[in-house]
Every structure is written in structure tokens, then in C-alpha cells.
PDB file of N, CA and C in Angstrom:
ATOM      1  N   MET A   1      13.572 -13.592   6.781  1.00  0.00           N
ATOM      2  CA  MET A   1      13.131 -12.431   7.767  1.00  0.00           C
ATOM      3  C   MET A   1      11.845 -14.330   8.048  1.00  0.00           C
ATOM      4  N   ASP A   2      11.365 -13.846   9.612  1.00  0.00           N
ATOM      5  CA  ASP A   2      11.131 -14.985  10.260  1.00  0.00           C
ATOM      6  C   ASP A   2       9.121 -14.149  10.493  1.00  0.00           C
ATOM      7  N   GLU A   3       8.619 -15.104  10.625  1.00  0.00           N
ATOM      8  CA  GLU A   3       6.998 -14.231  10.318  1.00  0.00           C
ATOM      9  C   GLU A   3       7.019 -13.734  11.770  1.00  0.00           C
ATOM     10  N   ARG A   4       7.633 -12.863  13.355  1.00  0.00           N
ATOM     11  CA  ARG A   4       7.109 -11.789  13.663  1.00  0.00           C
ATOM     12  C   ARG A   4       7.426 -10.567  12.208  1.00  0.00           C
ATOM     13  N   GLN A   5       8.861 -10.530  11.948  1.00  0.00           N
ATOM     14  CA  GLN A   5       9.382  -9.343  11.079  1.00  0.00           C
ATOM     15  C   GLN A   5       8.337  -9.915   9.849  1.00  0.00           C
ATOM     16  N   ALA A   6       7.121 -10.792   9.281  1.00  0.00           N
ATOM     17  CA  ALA A   6       6.452 -11.367   8.291  1.00  0.00           C
ATOM     18  C   ALA A   6       4.765  -9.851   8.485  1.00  0.00           C
ATOM     19  N   LEU A   7       4.807 -10.916   9.914  1.00  0.00           N
ATOM     20  CA  LEU A   7       3.077  -9.812  10.337  1.00  0.00           C
ATOM     21  C   LEU A   7       3.333  -8.748  10.597  1.00  0.00           C
ATOM     22  N   ALA A   8       4.870  -8.302  10.083  1.00  0.00           N
ATOM     23  CA  ALA A   8       4.500  -6.498  10.726  1.00  0.00           C
ATOM     24  C   ALA A   8       4.635  -6.545   9.107  1.00  0.00           C
ATOM     25  N   ALA A   9       5.763  -6.752   8.549  1.00  0.00           N
ATOM     26  CA  ALA A   9       5.541  -6.420   7.723  1.00  0.00           C
ATOM     27  C   ALA A   9       3.761  -5.563   6.524  1.00  0.00           C
ATOM     28  N   PHE A  10       3.177  -7.383   6.303  1.00  0.00           N
ATOM     29  CA  PHE A  10       1.902  -7.497   5.928  1.00  0.00           C
ATOM     30  C   PHE A  10       1.175  -6.529   7.238  1.00  0.00           C
ATOM     31  N   GLY A  11       1.367  -6.373   8.249  1.00  0.00           N
ATOM     32  CA  GLY A  11       0.390  -4.792   8.903  1.00  0.00           C
ATOM     33  C   GLY A  11       0.636  -3.658   8.237  1.00  0.00           C
ATOM     34  N   ALA A  12       1.604  -3.736   8.225  1.00  0.00           N
ATOM     35  CA  ALA A  12       1.949  -2.525   7.237  1.00  0.00           C
ATOM     36  C   ALA A  12       1.081  -2.012   6.948  1.00  0.00           C
ATOM     37  N   LEU A  13       1.604  -2.965   5.520  1.00  0.00           N
ATOM     38  CA  LEU A  13       0.576  -3.043   3.750  1.00  0.00           C
ATOM     39  C   LEU A  13      -1.519  -3.232   4.369  1.00  0.00           C
ATOM     40  N   SER A  14      -1.624  -3.457   5.144  1.00  0.00           N
ATOM     41  CA  SER A  14      -3.267  -3.971   5.167  1.00  0.00           C
ATOM     42  C   SER A  14      -3.796  -2.717   4.935  1.00  0.00           C
ATOM     43  N   GLN A  15      -2.880  -1.727   5.251  1.00  0.00           N
ATOM     44  CA  GLN A  15      -3.603  -0.403   4.928  1.00  0.00           C
ATOM     45  C   GLN A  15      -3.808   0.093   3.678  1.00  0.00           C
ATOM     46  N   GLU A  16      -5.205   0.882   3.073  1.00  0.00           N
ATOM     47  CA  GLU A  16      -4.907   1.407   1.708  1.00  0.00           C
ATOM     48  C   GLU A  16      -3.974   1.782   1.772  1.00  0.00           C
ATOM     49  N   THR A  17      -3.354   3.561   2.686  1.00  0.00           N
ATOM     50  CA  THR A  17      -2.901   4.551   2.219  1.00  0.00           C
ATOM     51  C   THR A  17      -1.562   3.988   2.445  1.00  0.00           C
ATOM     52  N   ARG A  18      -1.115   2.496   2.551  1.00  0.00           N
ATOM     53  CA  ARG A  18       0.307   2.614   2.788  1.00  0.00           C
ATOM     54  C   ARG A  18       0.942   2.099   1.948  1.00  0.00           C
ATOM     55  N   LEU A  19       0.076   0.906   1.125  1.00  0.00           N
ATOM     56  CA  LEU A  19       0.417  -0.095   0.201  1.00  0.00           C
ATOM     57  C   LEU A  19       0.168   1.027  -0.447  1.00  0.00           C
ATOM     58  N   ARG A  20      -0.381   2.285  -0.959  1.00  0.00           N
ATOM     59  CA  ARG A  20      -0.255   3.130  -1.828  1.00  0.00           C
ATOM     60  C   ARG A  20       0.911   3.866  -2.133  1.00  0.00           C
ATOM     61  N   ILE A  21       1.298   3.737  -1.223  1.00  0.00           N
ATOM     62  CA  ILE A  21       2.471   5.064  -0.520  1.00  0.00           C
ATOM     63  C   ILE A  21       3.751   3.824  -1.407  1.00  0.00           C
ATOM     64  N   LEU A  22       4.167   2.802  -0.510  1.00  0.00           N
ATOM     65  CA  LEU A  22       4.552   1.681  -0.739  1.00  0.00           C
ATOM     66  C   LEU A  22       4.955   1.680  -2.558  1.00  0.00           C
ATOM     67  N   ARG A  23       3.856   1.380  -3.413  1.00  0.00           N
ATOM     68  CA  ARG A  23       4.022   0.604  -4.545  1.00  0.00           C
ATOM     69  C   ARG A  23       4.355   2.463  -5.171  1.00  0.00           C
ATOM     70  N   MET A  24       4.377   3.663  -4.817  1.00  0.00           N
ATOM     71  CA  MET A  24       4.664   4.891  -5.516  1.00  0.00           C
ATOM     72  C   MET A  24       5.741   4.938  -4.598  1.00  0.00           C
ATOM     73  N   LEU A  25       6.941   4.624  -3.945  1.00  0.00           N
ATOM     74  CA  LEU A  25       8.255   4.090  -4.096  1.00  0.00           C
ATOM     75  C   LEU A  25       8.111   2.914  -3.889  1.00  0.00           C
ATOM     76  N   VAL A  26       8.127   2.152  -4.312  1.00  0.00           N
ATOM     77  CA  VAL A  26       8.766   1.032  -4.592  1.00  0.00           C
ATOM     78  C   VAL A  26       8.800   1.933  -6.524  1.00  0.00           C
ATOM     79  N   VAL A  27       7.487   2.299  -7.348  1.00  0.00           N
ATOM     80  CA  VAL A  27       8.254   2.823  -8.793  1.00  0.00           C
ATOM     81  C   VAL A  27       9.524   4.201  -8.883  1.00  0.00           C
ATOM     82  N   ALA A  28       9.072   4.893  -7.802  1.00  0.00           N
ATOM     83  CA  ALA A  28      10.679   6.002  -7.679  1.00  0.00           C
ATOM     84  C   ALA A  28      11.941   5.296  -7.732  1.00  0.00           C
ATOM     85  N   GLY A  29      12.230   4.611  -7.113  1.00  0.00           N
ATOM     86  CA  GLY A  29      13.349   3.260  -7.005  1.00  0.00           C
ATOM     87  C   GLY A  29      14.305   4.132  -6.311  1.00  0.00           C
ATOM     88  N   PRO A  30      15.654   4.216  -6.352  1.00  0.00           N
ATOM     89  CA  PRO A  30      16.254   3.939  -4.923  1.00  0.00           C
ATOM     90  C   PRO A  30      16.630   5.987  -4.947  1.00  0.00           C
ATOM     91  N   ASP A  31      16.629   6.447  -6.431  1.00  0.00           N
ATOM     92  CA  ASP A  31      16.160   7.858  -5.744  1.00  0.00           C
ATOM     93  C   ASP A  31      14.902   8.056  -4.452  1.00  0.00           C
ATOM     94  N   GLY A  32      14.588   7.432  -4.942  1.00  0.00           N
ATOM     95  CA  GLY A  32      12.762   8.522  -3.631  1.00  0.00           C
ATOM     96  C   GLY A  32      12.013   8.777  -4.026  1.00  0.00           C
ATOM     97  N   ILE A  33      11.179   9.944  -3.093  1.00  0.00           N
ATOM     98  CA  ILE A  33      10.914  10.715  -3.054  1.00  0.00           C
ATOM     99  C   ILE A  33      10.435  11.336  -1.743  1.00  0.00           C
ATOM    100  N   ALA A  34      10.294  12.759  -2.378  1.00  0.00           N
ATOM    101  CA  ALA A  34      10.413  13.614  -0.893  1.00  0.00           C
ATOM    102  C   ALA A  34       8.634  13.590   0.044  1.00  0.00           C
ATOM    103  N   ALA A  35       8.924  13.582   0.990  1.00  0.00           N
ATOM    104  CA  ALA A  35       7.726  13.615   1.956  1.00  0.00           C
ATOM    105  C   ALA A  35       6.354  14.197   1.547  1.00  0.00           C
ATOM    106  N   GLY A  36       7.023  15.952   1.099  1.00  0.00           N
ATOM    107  CA  GLY A  36       5.532  15.988   0.620  1.00  0.00           C
ATOM    108  C   GLY A  36       5.577  15.256  -0.412  1.00  0.00           C
ATOM    109  N   THR A  37       5.445  15.678  -1.683  1.00  0.00           N
ATOM    110  CA  THR A  37       5.854  15.221  -2.538  1.00  0.00           C
ATOM    111  C   THR A  37       4.599  13.715  -2.233  1.00  0.00           C
ATOM    112  N   ILE A  38       5.159  12.660  -1.402  1.00  0.00           N
ATOM    113  CA  ILE A  38       4.228  11.813  -1.418  1.00  0.00           C
ATOM    114  C   ILE A  38       3.045  12.077  -0.795  1.00  0.00           C
ATOM    115  N   ALA A  39       2.468  13.215  -0.193  1.00  0.00           N
ATOM    116  CA  ALA A  39       1.280  13.857   0.640  1.00  0.00           C
ATOM    117  C   ALA A  39       0.618  14.448  -0.260  1.00  0.00           C
ATOM    118  N   GLU A  40       1.130  14.637  -1.189  1.00  0.00           N
ATOM    119  CA  GLU A  40       0.504  15.584  -2.276  1.00  0.00           C
ATOM    120  C   GLU A  40      -0.279  14.084  -4.060  1.00  0.00           C
ATOM    121  N   LYS A  41       1.207  13.676  -4.012  1.00  0.00           N
ATOM    122  CA  LYS A  41       0.490  12.207  -5.179  1.00  0.00           C
ATOM    123  C   LYS A  41      -0.627  11.202  -4.191  1.00  0.00           C
ATOM    124  N   ALA A  42      -0.651  11.047  -2.963  1.00  0.00           N
ATOM    125  CA  ALA A  42      -1.322  10.593  -1.647  1.00  0.00           C
ATOM    126  C   ALA A  42      -2.899  11.366  -1.882  1.00  0.00           C
ATOM    127  N   GLU A  43      -3.130  12.284  -1.114  1.00  0.00           N
ATOM    128  CA  GLU A  43      -4.088  13.357  -1.549  1.00  0.00           C
ATOM    129  C   GLU A  43      -3.737  13.571  -0.298  1.00  0.00           C
ATOM    130  N   VAL A  44      -3.329  13.552   0.802  1.00  0.00           N
ATOM    131  CA  VAL A  44      -3.624  13.285   2.253  1.00  0.00           C
ATOM    132  C   VAL A  44      -2.972  14.449   2.935  1.00  0.00           C
ATOM    133  N   SER A  45      -2.453  14.679   3.529  1.00  0.00           N
ATOM    134  CA  SER A  45      -2.297  16.588   4.348  1.00  0.00           C
ATOM    135  C   SER A  45      -0.722  15.185   4.831  1.00  0.00           C
ATOM    136  N   ALA A  46       0.162  16.493   4.836  1.00  0.00           N
ATOM    137  CA  ALA A  46       1.662  16.368   5.718  1.00  0.00           C
ATOM    138  C   ALA A  46       1.567  15.567   6.573  1.00  0.00           C
ATOM    139  N   SER A  47       0.672  15.789   8.255  1.00  0.00           N
ATOM    140  CA  SER A  47       0.753  14.708   8.687  1.00  0.00           C
ATOM    141  C   SER A  47       0.450  14.015   8.919  1.00  0.00           C
ATOM    142  N   ASN A  48      -0.524  13.308   8.143  1.00  0.00           N
ATOM    143  CA  ASN A  48      -1.250  12.190   8.405  1.00  0.00           C
ATOM    144  C   ASN A  48       0.476  10.714   6.948  1.00  0.00           C
ATOM    145  N   VAL A  49       0.781  11.789   5.777  1.00  0.00           N
ATOM    146  CA  VAL A  49       1.524  10.878   5.341  1.00  0.00           C
ATOM    147  C   VAL A  49       3.020  10.474   6.433  1.00  0.00           C
ATOM    148  N   SER A  50       3.392  11.549   7.118  1.00  0.00           N
ATOM    149  CA  SER A  50       4.283  11.054   8.000  1.00  0.00           C
ATOM    150  C   SER A  50       3.863   9.954   8.847  1.00  0.00           C
ATOM    151  N   PHE A  51       2.686   9.696   9.574  1.00  0.00           N
ATOM    152  CA  PHE A  51       2.411   8.845   9.856  1.00  0.00           C
ATOM    153  C   PHE A  51       1.976   7.940   9.524  1.00  0.00           C
ATOM    154  N   HIS A  52       2.066   7.329   8.260  1.00  0.00           N
ATOM    155  CA  HIS A  52       2.089   6.034   7.198  1.00  0.00           C
ATOM    156  C   HIS A  52       3.140   5.254   7.253  1.00  0.00           C
ATOM    157  N   LEU A  53       4.614   6.398   6.647  1.00  0.00           N
ATOM    158  CA  LEU A  53       5.542   6.203   6.488  1.00  0.00           C
ATOM    159  C   LEU A  53       6.205   6.180   7.962  1.00  0.00           C
ATOM    160  N   LYS A  54       6.383   6.357   8.743  1.00  0.00           N
ATOM    161  CA  LYS A  54       6.375   5.634  10.103  1.00  0.00           C
ATOM    162  C   LYS A  54       6.241   4.251  10.316  1.00  0.00           C
ATOM    163  N   GLU A  55       4.908   3.534  10.010  1.00  0.00           N
ATOM    164  CA  GLU A  55       4.686   2.718   9.710  1.00  0.00           C
ATOM    165  C   GLU A  55       5.308   1.681   9.083  1.00  0.00           C
ATOM    166  N   LEU A  56       5.519   2.485   7.643  1.00  0.00           N
ATOM    167  CA  LEU A  56       5.928   1.216   6.485  1.00  0.00           C
ATOM    168  C   LEU A  56       7.563   1.450   7.053  1.00  0.00           C
ATOM    169  N   GLU A  57       8.305   2.597   7.809  1.00  0.00           N
ATOM    170  CA  GLU A  57       9.990   2.395   8.535  1.00  0.00           C
ATOM    171  C   GLU A  57       9.202   0.728   9.061  1.00  0.00           C
ATOM    172  N   ARG A  58       8.731   1.978  10.342  1.00  0.00           N
ATOM    173  CA  ARG A  58       8.887   0.402  11.297  1.00  0.00           C
ATOM    174  C   ARG A  58       9.101  -0.837  10.646  1.00  0.00           C
ATOM    175  N   ALA A  59       7.476  -1.033  10.225  1.00  0.00           N
ATOM    176  CA  ALA A  59       8.218  -2.823   8.736  1.00  0.00           C
ATOM    177  C   ALA A  59       9.319  -3.371   8.507  1.00  0.00           C
ATOM    178  N   GLY A  60      10.309  -2.059   8.618  1.00  0.00           N
ATOM    179  CA  GLY A  60      11.977  -2.164   7.032  1.00  0.00           C
ATOM    180  C   GLY A  60      11.101  -2.056   6.138  1.00  0.00           C
ATOM    181  N   LEU A  61       9.214  -1.482   5.832  1.00  0.00           N
ATOM    182  CA  LEU A  61       9.372  -1.615   4.311  1.00  0.00           C
ATOM    183  C   LEU A  61       9.701  -0.502   3.680  1.00  0.00           C
ATOM    184  N   ALA A  62      10.310   1.103   4.236  1.00  0.00           N
ATOM    185  CA  ALA A  62      10.330   2.282   3.527  1.00  0.00           C
ATOM    186  C   ALA A  62      11.599   2.605   4.402  1.00  0.00           C
ATOM    187  N   THR A  63      12.473   3.571   3.641  1.00  0.00           N
ATOM    188  CA  THR A  63      13.845   3.941   4.627  1.00  0.00           C
ATOM    189  C   THR A  63      13.748   5.106   3.608  1.00  0.00           C
ATOM    190  N   ALA A  64      14.112   6.078   5.112  1.00  0.00           N
ATOM    191  CA  ALA A  64      14.289   7.463   4.093  1.00  0.00           C
ATOM    192  C   ALA A  64      15.831   8.640   4.851  1.00  0.00           C
ATOM    193  N   ARG A  65      16.088   9.366   4.465  1.00  0.00           N
ATOM    194  CA  ARG A  65      16.822   9.924   4.342  1.00  0.00           C
ATOM    195  C   ARG A  65      16.789  12.137   4.441  1.00  0.00           C
ATOM    196  N   ARG A  66      18.068  12.712   5.108  1.00  0.00           N
ATOM    197  CA  ARG A  66      18.148  13.717   4.970  1.00  0.00           C
ATOM    198  C   ARG A  66      18.279  14.292   3.983  1.00  0.00           C
ATOM    199  N   ASP A  67      17.500  15.370   3.166  1.00  0.00           N
ATOM    200  CA  ASP A  67      18.541  15.457   1.653  1.00  0.00           C
ATOM    201  C   ASP A  67      18.278  18.112   2.038  1.00  0.00           C
ATOM    202  N   ALA A  68      18.976  18.230   2.321  1.00  0.00           N
ATOM    203  CA  ALA A  68      18.615  19.518   2.891  1.00  0.00           C
ATOM    204  C   ALA A  68      17.807  19.224   3.928  1.00  0.00           C
ATOM    205  N   ARG A  69      16.883  20.549   3.563  1.00  0.00           N
ATOM    206  CA  ARG A  69      15.375  20.675   3.534  1.00  0.00           C
ATOM    207  C   ARG A  69      14.300  19.826   4.005  1.00  0.00           C
ATOM    208  N   SER A  70      15.010  18.119   3.157  1.00  0.00           N
ATOM    209  CA  SER A  70      13.900  17.387   2.320  1.00  0.00           C
ATOM    210  C   SER A  70      13.574  16.065   3.074  1.00  0.00           C
ATOM    211  N   ILE A  71      12.797  15.707   3.556  1.00  0.00           N
ATOM    212  CA  ILE A  71      12.789  13.799   4.013  1.00  0.00           C
ATOM    213  C   ILE A  71      12.112  12.893   2.585  1.00  0.00           C
ATOM    214  N   ILE A  72      13.720  11.978   1.782  1.00  0.00           N
ATOM    215  CA  ILE A  72      13.131  12.154   0.937  1.00  0.00           C
ATOM    216  C   ILE A  72      13.203  10.441   1.637  1.00  0.00           C
ATOM    217  N   TYR A  73      12.175   9.347   1.234  1.00  0.00           N
ATOM    218  CA  TYR A  73      11.611   7.911   0.992  1.00  0.00           C
ATOM    219  C   TYR A  73      11.965   7.039  -0.016  1.00  0.00           C
ATOM    220  N   SER A  74      12.266   6.366   0.491  1.00  0.00           N
ATOM    221  CA  SER A  74      13.055   5.137  -0.485  1.00  0.00           C
ATOM    222  C   SER A  74      12.220   4.182  -0.569  1.00  0.00           C
ATOM    223  N   ALA A  75      11.608   2.734  -0.874  1.00  0.00           N
ATOM    224  CA  ALA A  75      11.800   1.817  -0.213  1.00  0.00           C
ATOM    225  C   ALA A  75      12.303   0.874   0.165  1.00  0.00           C
ATOM    226  N   GLY A  76      11.920  -0.474   0.844  1.00  0.00           N
ATOM    227  CA  GLY A  76      13.200  -1.674   1.863  1.00  0.00           C
ATOM    228  C   GLY A  76      12.754  -2.454   0.494  1.00  0.00           C
ATOM    229  N   TYR A  77      14.153  -2.026  -0.550  1.00  0.00           N
ATOM    230  CA  TYR A  77      13.917  -3.326  -1.436  1.00  0.00           C
ATOM    231  C   TYR A  77      14.151  -4.917  -0.917  1.00  0.00           C
ATOM    232  N   ASP A  78      15.240  -4.817  -0.276  1.00  0.00           N
ATOM    233  CA  ASP A  78      15.534  -5.867   1.519  1.00  0.00           C
ATOM    234  C   ASP A  78      15.100  -6.074   1.486  1.00  0.00           C
ATOM    235  N   ALA A  79      13.818  -5.611   2.203  1.00  0.00           N
ATOM    236  CA  ALA A  79      12.805  -6.392   3.621  1.00  0.00           C
ATOM    237  C   ALA A  79      11.635  -6.638   1.944  1.00  0.00           C
ATOM    238  N   LEU A  80      11.499  -6.303   0.812  1.00  0.00           N
ATOM    239  CA  LEU A  80      10.391  -6.815   0.183  1.00  0.00           C
ATOM    240  C   LEU A  80      11.043  -8.091  -0.718  1.00  0.00           C
ATOM    241  N   SER A  81      11.953  -8.277  -0.361  1.00  0.00           N
ATOM    242  CA  SER A  81      12.450  -9.178  -1.164  1.00  0.00           C
ATOM    243  C   SER A  81      12.331 -10.900  -0.674  1.00  0.00           C
ATOM    244  N   ASP A  82      12.756  -9.990   0.750  1.00  0.00           N
ATOM    245  CA  ASP A  82      12.536 -11.532   2.468  1.00  0.00           C
ATOM    246  C   ASP A  82      10.892 -11.355   3.278  1.00  0.00           C
ATOM    247  N   LEU A  83      10.064 -10.351   2.116  1.00  0.00           N
ATOM    248  CA  LEU A  83       8.714 -10.543   2.729  1.00  0.00           C
ATOM    249  C   LEU A  83       8.107 -11.833   1.130  1.00  0.00           C
ATOM    250  N   ILE A  84       8.662 -11.791   0.370  1.00  0.00           N
ATOM    251  CA  ILE A  84       8.478 -12.219  -0.551  1.00  0.00           C
ATOM    252  C   ILE A  84       9.775 -13.849  -1.122  1.00  0.00           C
ATOM    253  N   ARG A  85      10.278 -14.419   0.118  1.00  0.00           N
ATOM    254  CA  ARG A  85      11.389 -14.707  -0.282  1.00  0.00           C
ATOM    255  C   ARG A  85      10.485 -15.907   0.602  1.00  0.00           C
ATOM    256  N   PHE A  86      10.462 -14.969   2.323  1.00  0.00           N
ATOM    257  CA  PHE A  86       9.475 -15.923   3.263  1.00  0.00           C
ATOM    258  C   PHE A  86       7.928 -16.119   2.609  1.00  0.00           C
ATOM    259  N   LEU A  87       7.489 -15.325   2.087  1.00  0.00           N
ATOM    260  CA  LEU A  87       5.916 -16.676   1.429  1.00  0.00           C
ATOM    261  C   LEU A  87       6.137 -17.785   0.404  1.00  0.00           C
ATOM    262  N   MET A  88       7.832 -17.556  -0.485  1.00  0.00           N
ATOM    263  CA  MET A  88       7.558 -18.486  -1.278  1.00  0.00           C
ATOM    264  C   MET A  88       8.415 -19.807  -0.735  1.00  0.00           C
ATOM    265  N   GLU A  89       9.111 -19.955   0.091  1.00  0.00           N
ATOM    266  CA  GLU A  89       9.985 -20.583   1.134  1.00  0.00           C
ATOM    267  C   GLU A  89       9.874 -21.226   0.868  1.00  0.00           C
ATOM    268  N   ASP A  90       8.534 -22.757   1.205  1.00  0.00           N
ATOM    269  CA  ASP A  90       8.162 -23.995   0.573  1.00  0.00           C
ATOM    270  C   ASP A  90       7.983 -24.304  -0.874  1.00  0.00           C
ATOM    271  N   CYS A  91       7.813 -23.438  -1.717  1.00  0.00           N
ATOM    272  CA  CYS A  91       7.246 -23.138  -2.950  1.00  0.00           C
ATOM    273  C   CYS A  91       6.541 -24.432  -3.239  1.00  0.00           C
ATOM    274  N   CYS A  92       5.016 -25.017  -2.856  1.00  0.00           N
ATOM    275  CA  CYS A  92       4.451 -25.860  -3.857  1.00  0.00           C
ATOM    276  C   CYS A  92       4.816 -27.355  -3.607  1.00  0.00           C
ATOM    277  N   GLY A  93       5.603 -27.360  -2.394  1.00  0.00           N
ATOM    278  CA  GLY A  93       5.585 -29.253  -2.039  1.00  0.00           C
ATOM    279  C   GLY A  93       6.389 -29.437  -2.265  1.00  0.00           C
ATOM    280  N   GLY A  94       7.922 -28.654  -2.856  1.00  0.00           N
ATOM    281  CA  GLY A  94       8.816 -29.508  -3.373  1.00  0.00           C
ATOM    282  C   GLY A  94       9.397 -28.765  -4.721  1.00  0.00           C
ATOM    283  N   HIS A  95       7.935 -28.765  -5.384  1.00  0.00           N
ATOM    284  CA  HIS A  95       8.247 -27.923  -6.788  1.00  0.00           C
ATOM    285  C   HIS A  95       8.206 -27.063  -7.136  1.00  0.00           C
ATOM    286  N   PRO A  96       9.993 -25.981  -7.224  1.00  0.00           N
ATOM    287  CA  PRO A  96      10.004 -24.619  -7.560  1.00  0.00           C
ATOM    288  C   PRO A  96       9.452 -24.322  -9.084  1.00  0.00           C
ATOM    289  N   GLU A  97       9.269 -25.783  -9.969  1.00  0.00           N
ATOM    290  CA  GLU A  97       9.172 -25.022 -11.288  1.00  0.00           C
ATOM    291  C   GLU A  97       7.403 -24.492 -11.055  1.00  0.00           C
ATOM    292  N   ILE A  98       7.001 -24.386 -10.400  1.00  0.00           N
ATOM    293  CA  ILE A  98       5.398 -24.061 -10.667  1.00  0.00           C
ATOM    294  C   ILE A  98       5.402 -23.296  -9.929  1.00  0.00           C
ATOM    295  N   CYS A  99       6.099 -22.841  -9.106  1.00  0.00           N
ATOM    296  CA  CYS A  99       6.498 -21.627  -8.352  1.00  0.00           C
ATOM    297  C   CYS A  99       7.147 -20.142  -9.778  1.00  0.00           C
ATOM    298  N   ALA A 100       7.808 -20.767 -11.206  1.00  0.00           N
ATOM    299  CA  ALA A 100       9.334 -20.201 -12.011  1.00  0.00           C
ATOM    300  C   ALA A 100       7.828 -18.568 -11.823  1.00  0.00           C
ATOM    301  N   PRO A 101       7.092 -19.241 -12.449  1.00  0.00           N
ATOM    302  CA  PRO A 101       6.358 -17.909 -13.248  1.00  0.00           C
ATOM    303  C   PRO A 101       6.356 -16.217 -12.456  1.00  0.00           C
ATOM    304  N   VAL A 102       6.031 -16.441 -11.621  1.00  0.00           N
ATOM    305  CA  VAL A 102       5.829 -15.440 -10.033  1.00  0.00           C
ATOM    306  C   VAL A 102       7.583 -15.096  -9.919  1.00  0.00           C
ATOM    307  N   ALA A 103       7.963 -15.643 -10.051  1.00  0.00           N
ATOM    308  CA  ALA A 103       9.751 -14.697 -10.056  1.00  0.00           C
ATOM    309  C   ALA A 103      10.329 -13.510 -11.727  1.00  0.00           C
ATOM    310  N   THR A 104       9.755 -15.005 -12.624  1.00  0.00           N
ATOM    311  CA  THR A 104      10.148 -14.403 -13.932  1.00  0.00           C
ATOM    312  C   THR A 104       9.091 -13.212 -13.868  1.00  0.00           C
ATOM    313  N   ALA A 105       7.816 -13.249 -13.185  1.00  0.00           N
ATOM    314  CA  ALA A 105       7.369 -12.065 -13.776  1.00  0.00           C
ATOM    315  C   ALA A 105       7.231 -10.769 -13.594  1.00  0.00           C
ATOM    316  N   ALA A 106       7.675 -10.576 -12.320  1.00  0.00           N
ATOM    317  CA  ALA A 106       8.288  -9.604 -11.421  1.00  0.00           C
ATOM    318  C   ALA A 106       9.486  -9.137 -11.881  1.00  0.00           C
ATOM    319  N   ALA A 107      10.596 -10.150 -13.249  1.00  0.00           N
ATOM    320  CA  ALA A 107      11.434  -9.650 -13.811  1.00  0.00           C
ATOM    321  C   ALA A 107      11.306  -8.536 -15.278  1.00  0.00           C
ATOM    322  N   CYS A 108      10.452  -9.134 -15.050  1.00  0.00           N
ATOM    323  CA  CYS A 108       9.820  -8.578 -16.421  1.00  0.00           C
ATOM    324  C   CYS A 108       9.387  -7.144 -17.086  1.00  0.00           C
ATOM    325  N   CYS A 109       8.567  -7.432 -15.078  1.00  0.00           N
ATOM    326  CA  CYS A 109       7.473  -5.993 -15.593  1.00  0.00           C
ATOM    327  C   CYS A 109       8.334  -4.581 -15.446  1.00  0.00           C
ATOM    328  N   THR A 110       8.892  -3.752 -16.691  1.00  0.00           N
ATOM    329  CA  THR A 110       8.581  -2.450 -16.675  1.00  0.00           C
ATOM    330  C   THR A 110       8.264  -1.482 -17.949  1.00  0.00           C
ATOM    331  N   PRO A 111       7.156  -1.718 -17.043  1.00  0.00           N
ATOM    332  CA  PRO A 111       6.228  -0.067 -17.763  1.00  0.00           C
ATOM    333  C   PRO A 111       6.661   1.169 -17.048  1.00  0.00           C
ATOM    334  N   SER A 112       6.837   2.050 -18.145  1.00  0.00           N
ATOM    335  CA  SER A 112       6.836   3.136 -18.124  1.00  0.00           C
ATOM    336  C   SER A 112       6.484   3.878 -16.261  1.00  0.00           C
ATOM    337  N   ARG A 113       7.691   4.338 -16.130  1.00  0.00           N
ATOM    338  CA  ARG A 113       7.389   4.966 -14.164  1.00  0.00           C
ATOM    339  C   ARG A 113       6.565   5.605 -14.031  1.00  0.00           C
ATOM    340  N   ASP A 114       5.842   6.889 -14.947  1.00  0.00           N
ATOM    341  CA  ASP A 114       5.404   7.648 -15.359  1.00  0.00           C
ATOM    342  C   ASP A 114       3.786   7.298 -15.842  1.00  0.00           C
ATOM    343  N   ILE A 115       3.632   6.439 -16.493  1.00  0.00           N
ATOM    344  CA  ILE A 115       2.524   5.555 -16.460  1.00  0.00           C
ATOM    345  C   ILE A 115       2.133   5.063 -15.075  1.00  0.00           C
ATOM    346  N   VAL A 116       2.789   3.858 -14.808  1.00  0.00           N
ATOM    347  CA  VAL A 116       2.679   3.068 -13.263  1.00  0.00           C
ATOM    348  C   VAL A 116       2.150   4.794 -11.837  1.00  0.00           C
ATOM    349  N   LEU A 117       2.899   5.909 -12.169  1.00  0.00           N
ATOM    350  CA  LEU A 117       2.336   5.918 -10.929  1.00  0.00           C
ATOM    351  C   LEU A 117       1.931   7.233 -11.309  1.00  0.00           C
ATOM    352  N   GLN A 118       0.924   7.298 -12.741  1.00  0.00           N
ATOM    353  CA  GLN A 118      -0.364   7.726 -12.508  1.00  0.00           C
ATOM    354  C   GLN A 118      -1.633   6.916 -12.231  1.00  0.00           C
ATOM    355  N   GLU A 119      -1.105   5.519 -12.187  1.00  0.00           N
ATOM    356  CA  GLU A 119      -1.875   4.967 -12.102  1.00  0.00           C
ATOM    357  C   GLU A 119      -2.489   4.788 -10.398  1.00  0.00           C
ATOM    358  N   ILE A 120      -0.694   4.609 -10.086  1.00  0.00           N
ATOM    359  CA  ILE A 120      -0.594   4.686  -7.984  1.00  0.00           C
ATOM    360  C   ILE A 120      -1.550   5.622  -7.490  1.00  0.00           C
ATOM    361  N   VAL A 121      -1.354   6.849  -8.370  1.00  0.00           N
ATOM    362  CA  VAL A 121      -2.236   7.914  -7.050  1.00  0.00           C
ATOM    363  C   VAL A 121      -4.220   8.337  -7.127  1.00  0.00           C
ATOM    364  N   LYS A 122      -4.196   7.132  -8.569  1.00  0.00           N
ATOM    365  CA  LYS A 122      -5.473   7.112  -9.555  1.00  0.00           C
ATOM    366  C   LYS A 122      -6.561   7.226  -7.394  1.00  0.00           C
TER     367      LYS A 122
END
């Protein structure tokens, strides 16, 4: 990921509704969530959620696929991983062991999906 792509991702995430939507998508996993369900859980109109999802897509942080009459959105895990790598690239002045807790914390956090979804949409 280059600086331009990182800036686009951070720009997309700098809005409260988009950040909440992306967190929902991450919790949903690769199966994703239908746009209508996202709108309902985020408590925004369908047109509003569509706008935010397009911004996340443009930044590479979300992907869309059609399933019958629904559009299902998923987190762009590759882009999220790239963004984290971009931030941690030159970690701690050549002492990567300092950054190790960040990497292991993400791997060990596996709270219940329903609990996390409830927290995200509060």
C-alpha cells in the first residue's frame, strides 16, 4: 500500500457511520451482510448507507456482490491488512519485538459475533 491509498482509506474511515459499517462488515466475516440489513443496524436510510458503502468500496475497504435481489457487502480484508502493514512498516526504529503485542492482540481476540454486533450498532 502506498501513501495515496492509505490516505484514501483513512479518509473513508474518518466518518462515524462508515467506521461503524466497516466494523459491522469485519464482524460479519467473508459471508458479508446485505445492504438493507446494514442500513437497519446502522439506523440510516438505504440511500445514506449506499453512499457510505460506495465510499468504503472506493477506498478498497469493502466489496460488493449480488445475491439474487440483494447486494451483499464484505470487508476488504486484504486492504485492511495492507493498511495495518503500512502503519507498522518501520515499526519502532528497527525493533519489531516492541510491536509484537499489536500483532498478537488482533489474532487472539475472538469475542462472540453477536455480542460484537450488538456493541457496534449501539
